[in-house]
Amino acid sequence: MGKNSLRHIRESFLMSKAELARKAGVSPITIDRIEKGLSCRMETKRKILLALGYKLSEKDKVFSG
């Protein structure tokens, strides 16, 4: 299980899990699993970063490790 800041960042944007999931093109269950520290595919991380408005080079701000 990896550490990440996804929940904190999502909440700072006043964004629901469903809204982020819709913007990123993934399921809300996927967002929930990632926030709980479970792993996900690199493609999923890329979609989430772009949906949050981050550059791919800023991945360490959301996903560590």
PDB file of N, CA and C in Angstrom:
ATOM      1  N   MET A   1       0.841  -1.190   0.000  1.00  0.00           N
ATOM      2  CA  MET A   1       0.000   0.000   0.000  1.00  0.00           C
ATOM      3  C   MET A   1       0.882   1.249   0.000  1.00  0.00           C
ATOM      4  N   GLY A   2       0.607   2.144  -0.905  1.00  0.00           N
ATOM      5  CA  GLY A   2       1.400   3.357  -1.020  1.00  0.00           C
ATOM      6  C   GLY A   2       0.722   4.543  -0.371  1.00  0.00           C
ATOM      7  N   LYS A   3       1.532   5.494   0.011  1.00  0.00           N
ATOM      8  CA  LYS A   3       0.995   6.723   0.588  1.00  0.00           C
ATOM      9  C   LYS A   3       0.717   7.700  -0.545  1.00  0.00           C
ATOM     10  N   ASN A   4      -0.380   8.437  -0.414  1.00  0.00           N
ATOM     11  CA  ASN A   4      -0.653   9.472  -1.391  1.00  0.00           C
ATOM     12  C   ASN A   4      -1.459  10.593  -0.735  1.00  0.00           C
ATOM     13  N   SER A   5      -1.518  11.718  -1.394  1.00  0.00           N
ATOM     14  CA  SER A   5      -2.207  12.897  -0.880  1.00  0.00           C
ATOM     15  C   SER A   5      -3.497  13.168  -1.641  1.00  0.00           C
ATOM     16  N   LEU A   6      -3.991  12.173  -2.354  1.00  0.00           N
ATOM     17  CA  LEU A   6      -5.126  12.402  -3.241  1.00  0.00           C
ATOM     18  C   LEU A   6      -6.345  12.943  -2.506  1.00  0.00           C
ATOM     19  N   ARG A   7      -6.706  12.337  -1.393  1.00  0.00           N
ATOM     20  CA  ARG A   7      -7.902  12.793  -0.676  1.00  0.00           C
ATOM     21  C   ARG A   7      -7.752  14.243  -0.231  1.00  0.00           C
ATOM     22  N   HIS A   8      -6.617  14.572   0.353  1.00  0.00           N
ATOM     23  CA  HIS A   8      -6.375  15.939   0.828  1.00  0.00           C
ATOM     24  C   HIS A   8      -6.462  16.943  -0.322  1.00  0.00           C
ATOM     25  N   ILE A   9      -5.839  16.626  -1.434  1.00  0.00           N
ATOM     26  CA  ILE A   9      -5.840  17.526  -2.589  1.00  0.00           C
ATOM     27  C   ILE A   9      -7.247  17.650  -3.158  1.00  0.00           C
ATOM     28  N   ARG A  10      -7.937  16.518  -3.299  1.00  0.00           N
ATOM     29  CA  ARG A  10      -9.295  16.535  -3.842  1.00  0.00           C
ATOM     30  C   ARG A  10     -10.205  17.398  -2.976  1.00  0.00           C
ATOM     31  N   GLU A  11     -10.114  17.233  -1.666  1.00  0.00           N
ATOM     32  CA  GLU A  11     -10.955  18.010  -0.760  1.00  0.00           C
ATOM     33  C   GLU A  11     -10.575  19.493  -0.761  1.00  0.00           C
ATOM     34  N   SER A  12      -9.307  19.805  -0.983  1.00  0.00           N
ATOM     35  CA  SER A  12      -8.905  21.214  -1.040  1.00  0.00           C
ATOM     36  C   SER A  12      -9.498  21.903  -2.269  1.00  0.00           C
ATOM     37  N   PHE A  13      -9.815  21.135  -3.305  1.00  0.00           N
ATOM     38  CA  PHE A  13     -10.482  21.665  -4.497  1.00  0.00           C
ATOM     39  C   PHE A  13     -12.005  21.626  -4.347  1.00  0.00           C
ATOM     40  N   LEU A  14     -12.491  21.214  -3.156  1.00  0.00           N
ATOM     41  CA  LEU A  14     -13.925  21.055  -2.891  1.00  0.00           C
ATOM     42  C   LEU A  14     -14.576  20.165  -3.947  1.00  0.00           C
ATOM     43  N   MET A  15     -13.907  19.057  -4.238  1.00  0.00           N
ATOM     44  CA  MET A  15     -14.343  18.146  -5.285  1.00  0.00           C
ATOM     45  C   MET A  15     -14.740  16.806  -4.668  1.00  0.00           C
ATOM     46  N   SER A  16     -15.867  16.276  -5.103  1.00  0.00           N
ATOM     47  CA  SER A  16     -16.300  14.966  -4.606  1.00  0.00           C
ATOM     48  C   SER A  16     -15.532  13.863  -5.341  1.00  0.00           C
ATOM     49  N   LYS A  17     -15.587  12.667  -4.770  1.00  0.00           N
ATOM     50  CA  LYS A  17     -14.952  11.527  -5.435  1.00  0.00           C
ATOM     51  C   LYS A  17     -15.584  11.309  -6.799  1.00  0.00           C
ATOM     52  N   ALA A  18     -16.911  11.434  -6.856  1.00  0.00           N
ATOM     53  CA  ALA A  18     -17.621  11.210  -8.119  1.00  0.00           C
ATOM     54  C   ALA A  18     -17.214  12.243  -9.172  1.00  0.00           C
ATOM     55  N   GLU A  19     -17.041  13.481  -8.747  1.00  0.00           N
ATOM     56  CA  GLU A  19     -16.653  14.536  -9.684  1.00  0.00           C
ATOM     57  C   GLU A  19     -15.246  14.288 -10.235  1.00  0.00           C
ATOM     58  N   LEU A  20     -14.318  13.949  -9.341  1.00  0.00           N
ATOM     59  CA  LEU A  20     -12.957  13.652  -9.797  1.00  0.00           C
ATOM     60  C   LEU A  20     -12.961  12.438 -10.726  1.00  0.00           C
ATOM     61  N   ALA A  21     -13.717  11.422 -10.355  1.00  0.00           N
ATOM     62  CA  ALA A  21     -13.792  10.217 -11.179  1.00  0.00           C
ATOM     63  C   ALA A  21     -14.309  10.543 -12.576  1.00  0.00           C
ATOM     64  N   ARG A  22     -15.324  11.387 -12.637  1.00  0.00           N
ATOM     65  CA  ARG A  22     -15.909  11.775 -13.924  1.00  0.00           C
ATOM     66  C   ARG A  22     -14.897  12.544 -14.778  1.00  0.00           C
ATOM     67  N   LYS A  23     -14.199  13.490 -14.139  1.00  0.00           N
ATOM     68  CA  LYS A  23     -13.194  14.285 -14.862  1.00  0.00           C
ATOM     69  C   LYS A  23     -12.035  13.417 -15.351  1.00  0.00           C
ATOM     70  N   ALA A  24     -11.661  12.428 -14.543  1.00  0.00           N
ATOM     71  CA  ALA A  24     -10.511  11.588 -14.868  1.00  0.00           C
ATOM     72  C   ALA A  24     -10.880  10.404 -15.763  1.00  0.00           C
ATOM     73  N   GLY A  25     -12.169  10.124 -15.887  1.00  0.00           N
ATOM     74  CA  GLY A  25     -12.586   8.988 -16.705  1.00  0.00           C
ATOM     75  C   GLY A  25     -12.344   7.647 -16.035  1.00  0.00           C
ATOM     76  N   VAL A  26     -12.460   7.635 -14.698  1.00  0.00           N
ATOM     77  CA  VAL A  26     -12.324   6.382 -13.944  1.00  0.00           C
ATOM     78  C   VAL A  26     -13.554   6.243 -13.042  1.00  0.00           C
ATOM     79  N   SER A  27     -13.686   5.130 -12.369  1.00  0.00           N
ATOM     80  CA  SER A  27     -14.852   4.931 -11.510  1.00  0.00           C
ATOM     81  C   SER A  27     -14.612   5.547 -10.125  1.00  0.00           C
ATOM     82  N   PRO A  28     -15.699   5.950  -9.456  1.00  0.00           N
ATOM     83  CA  PRO A  28     -15.557   6.458  -8.079  1.00  0.00           C
ATOM     84  C   PRO A  28     -14.938   5.417  -7.142  1.00  0.00           C
ATOM     85  N   ILE A  29     -15.187   4.156  -7.416  1.00  0.00           N
ATOM     86  CA  ILE A  29     -14.598   3.083  -6.601  1.00  0.00           C
ATOM     87  C   ILE A  29     -13.072   3.104  -6.730  1.00  0.00           C
ATOM     88  N   THR A  30     -12.587   3.403  -7.929  1.00  0.00           N
ATOM     89  CA  THR A  30     -11.140   3.497  -8.152  1.00  0.00           C
ATOM     90  C   THR A  30     -10.557   4.628  -7.323  1.00  0.00           C
ATOM     91  N   ILE A  31     -11.214   5.783  -7.321  1.00  0.00           N
ATOM     92  CA  ILE A  31     -10.748   6.920  -6.512  1.00  0.00           C
ATOM     93  C   ILE A  31     -10.707   6.524  -5.047  1.00  0.00           C
ATOM     94  N   ASP A  32     -11.756   5.869  -4.577  1.00  0.00           N
ATOM     95  CA  ASP A  32     -11.832   5.443  -3.179  1.00  0.00           C
ATOM     96  C   ASP A  32     -10.685   4.496  -2.832  1.00  0.00           C
ATOM     97  N   ARG A  33     -10.414   3.542  -3.700  1.00  0.00           N
ATOM     98  CA  ARG A  33      -9.340   2.572  -3.447  1.00  0.00           C
ATOM     99  C   ARG A  33      -7.979   3.267  -3.387  1.00  0.00           C
ATOM    100  N   ILE A  34      -7.751   4.212  -4.289  1.00  0.00           N
ATOM    101  CA  ILE A  34      -6.464   4.919  -4.308  1.00  0.00           C
ATOM    102  C   ILE A  34      -6.307   5.749  -3.037  1.00  0.00           C
ATOM    103  N   GLU A  35      -7.392   6.414  -2.616  1.00  0.00           N
ATOM    104  CA  GLU A  35      -7.321   7.219  -1.398  1.00  0.00           C
ATOM    105  C   GLU A  35      -7.053   6.362  -0.171  1.00  0.00           C
ATOM    106  N   LYS A  36      -7.438   5.105  -0.214  1.00  0.00           N
ATOM    107  CA  LYS A  36      -7.175   4.188   0.901  1.00  0.00           C
ATOM    108  C   LYS A  36      -5.765   3.620   0.844  1.00  0.00           C
ATOM    109  N   GLY A  37      -5.004   3.991  -0.204  1.00  0.00           N
ATOM    110  CA  GLY A  37      -3.608   3.574  -0.285  1.00  0.00           C
ATOM    111  C   GLY A  37      -3.350   2.363  -1.145  1.00  0.00           C
ATOM    112  N   LEU A  38      -4.363   1.877  -1.836  1.00  0.00           N
ATOM    113  CA  LEU A  38      -4.151   0.730  -2.709  1.00  0.00           C
ATOM    114  C   LEU A  38      -3.486   1.191  -4.002  1.00  0.00           C
ATOM    115  N   SER A  39      -2.835   0.280  -4.673  1.00  0.00           N
ATOM    116  CA  SER A  39      -2.095   0.644  -5.885  1.00  0.00           C
ATOM    117  C   SER A  39      -3.048   0.802  -7.075  1.00  0.00           C
ATOM    118  N   CYS A  40      -2.549   1.471  -8.099  1.00  0.00           N
ATOM    119  CA  CYS A  40      -3.314   1.615  -9.332  1.00  0.00           C
ATOM    120  C   CYS A  40      -2.334   1.659 -10.501  1.00  0.00           C
ATOM    121  N   ARG A  41      -2.872   1.552 -11.693  1.00  0.00           N
ATOM    122  CA  ARG A  41      -2.031   1.566 -12.883  1.00  0.00           C
ATOM    123  C   ARG A  41      -1.475   2.963 -13.135  1.00  0.00           C
ATOM    124  N   MET A  42      -0.359   3.001 -13.836  1.00  0.00           N
ATOM    125  CA  MET A  42       0.274   4.272 -14.191  1.00  0.00           C
ATOM    126  C   MET A  42      -0.675   5.139 -15.016  1.00  0.00           C
ATOM    127  N   GLU A  43      -1.429   4.527 -15.917  1.00  0.00           N
ATOM    128  CA  GLU A  43      -2.393   5.256 -16.750  1.00  0.00           C
ATOM    129  C   GLU A  43      -3.466   5.937 -15.889  1.00  0.00           C
ATOM    130  N   THR A  44      -3.902   5.264 -14.839  1.00  0.00           N
ATOM    131  CA  THR A  44      -4.906   5.834 -13.929  1.00  0.00           C
ATOM    132  C   THR A  44      -4.323   7.036 -13.200  1.00  0.00           C
ATOM    133  N   LYS A  45      -3.091   6.922 -12.749  1.00  0.00           N
ATOM    134  CA  LYS A  45      -2.428   8.050 -12.090  1.00  0.00           C
ATOM    135  C   LYS A  45      -2.339   9.246 -13.030  1.00  0.00           C
ATOM    136  N   ARG A  46      -1.995   8.969 -14.287  1.00  0.00           N
ATOM    137  CA  ARG A  46      -1.883  10.033 -15.286  1.00  0.00           C
ATOM    138  C   ARG A  46      -3.218  10.750 -15.472  1.00  0.00           C
ATOM    139  N   LYS A  47      -4.298   9.993 -15.575  1.00  0.00           N
ATOM    140  CA  LYS A  47      -5.629  10.580 -15.750  1.00  0.00           C
ATOM    141  C   LYS A  47      -6.014  11.450 -14.556  1.00  0.00           C
ATOM    142  N   ILE A  48      -5.698  10.974 -13.355  1.00  0.00           N
ATOM    143  CA  ILE A  48      -6.048  11.725 -12.145  1.00  0.00           C
ATOM    144  C   ILE A  48      -5.239  13.013 -12.064  1.00  0.00           C
ATOM    145  N   LEU A  49      -3.952  12.932 -12.336  1.00  0.00           N
ATOM    146  CA  LEU A  49      -3.115  14.134 -12.317  1.00  0.00           C
ATOM    147  C   LEU A  49      -3.647  15.193 -13.269  1.00  0.00           C
ATOM    148  N   LEU A  50      -3.972  14.800 -14.491  1.00  0.00           N
ATOM    149  CA  LEU A  50      -4.467  15.746 -15.485  1.00  0.00           C
ATOM    150  C   LEU A  50      -5.833  16.298 -15.083  1.00  0.00           C
ATOM    151  N   ALA A  51      -6.687  15.475 -14.491  1.00  0.00           N
ATOM    152  CA  ALA A  51      -8.009  15.926 -14.054  1.00  0.00           C
ATOM    153  C   ALA A  51      -7.906  16.962 -12.937  1.00  0.00           C
ATOM    154  N   LEU A  52      -6.852  16.853 -12.125  1.00  0.00           N
ATOM    155  CA  LEU A  52      -6.635  17.810 -11.036  1.00  0.00           C
ATOM    156  C   LEU A  52      -5.910  19.071 -11.498  1.00  0.00           C
ATOM    157  N   GLY A  53      -5.445  19.063 -12.749  1.00  0.00           N
ATOM    158  CA  GLY A  53      -4.751  20.225 -13.277  1.00  0.00           C
ATOM    159  C   GLY A  53      -3.253  20.230 -13.007  1.00  0.00           C
ATOM    160  N   TYR A  54      -2.720  19.084 -12.631  1.00  0.00           N
ATOM    161  CA  TYR A  54      -1.280  18.970 -12.385  1.00  0.00           C
ATOM    162  C   TYR A  54      -0.570  18.547 -13.663  1.00  0.00           C
ATOM    163  N   LYS A  55       0.703  18.894 -13.756  1.00  0.00           N
ATOM    164  CA  LYS A  55       1.546  18.386 -14.840  1.00  0.00           C
ATOM    165  C   LYS A  55       2.011  16.998 -14.439  1.00  0.00           C
ATOM    166  N   LEU A  56       2.328  16.187 -15.418  1.00  0.00           N
ATOM    167  CA  LEU A  56       2.793  14.834 -15.109  1.00  0.00           C
ATOM    168  C   LEU A  56       4.076  14.858 -14.286  1.00  0.00           C
ATOM    169  N   SER A  57       4.883  15.901 -14.466  1.00  0.00           N
ATOM    170  CA  SER A  57       6.133  16.016 -13.711  1.00  0.00           C
ATOM    171  C   SER A  57       5.889  16.319 -12.233  1.00  0.00           C
ATOM    172  N   GLU A  58       4.666  16.682 -11.880  1.00  0.00           N
ATOM    173  CA  GLU A  58       4.327  16.996 -10.483  1.00  0.00           C
ATOM    174  C   GLU A  58       3.685  15.792  -9.766  1.00  0.00           C
ATOM    175  N   LYS A  59       3.885  14.599 -10.310  1.00  0.00           N
ATOM    176  CA  LYS A  59       3.240  13.420  -9.755  1.00  0.00           C
ATOM    177  C   LYS A  59       3.576  13.173  -8.283  1.00  0.00           C
ATOM    178  N   ASP A  60       4.773  13.570  -7.864  1.00  0.00           N
ATOM    179  CA  ASP A  60       5.168  13.354  -6.467  1.00  0.00           C
ATOM    180  C   ASP A  60       4.373  14.198  -5.481  1.00  0.00           C
ATOM    181  N   LYS A  61       3.698  15.227  -5.962  1.00  0.00           N
ATOM    182  CA  LYS A  61       2.853  16.036  -5.077  1.00  0.00           C
ATOM    183  C   LYS A  61       1.589  15.264  -4.685  1.00  0.00           C
ATOM    184  N   VAL A  62       1.189  14.323  -5.527  1.00  0.00           N
ATOM    185  CA  VAL A  62      -0.020  13.541  -5.273  1.00  0.00           C
ATOM    186  C   VAL A  62       0.326  12.109  -4.877  1.00  0.00           C
ATOM    187  N   PHE A  63       1.191  11.483  -5.652  1.00  0.00           N
ATOM    188  CA  PHE A  63       1.562  10.083  -5.433  1.00  0.00           C
ATOM    189  C   PHE A  63       3.026  10.000  -5.047  1.00  0.00           C
ATOM    190  N   SER A  64       3.299   9.509  -3.864  1.00  0.00           N
ATOM    191  CA  SER A  64       4.700   9.336  -3.470  1.00  0.00           C
ATOM    192  C   SER A  64       5.086   7.874  -3.660  1.00  0.00           C
ATOM    193  N   GLY A  65       6.347   7.661  -3.879  1.00  0.00           N
ATOM    194  CA  GLY A  65       6.825   6.288  -4.030  1.00  0.00           C
ATOM    195  C   GLY A  65       6.827   5.829  -5.370  1.00  0.00           C
TER     196      GLY A  65
END
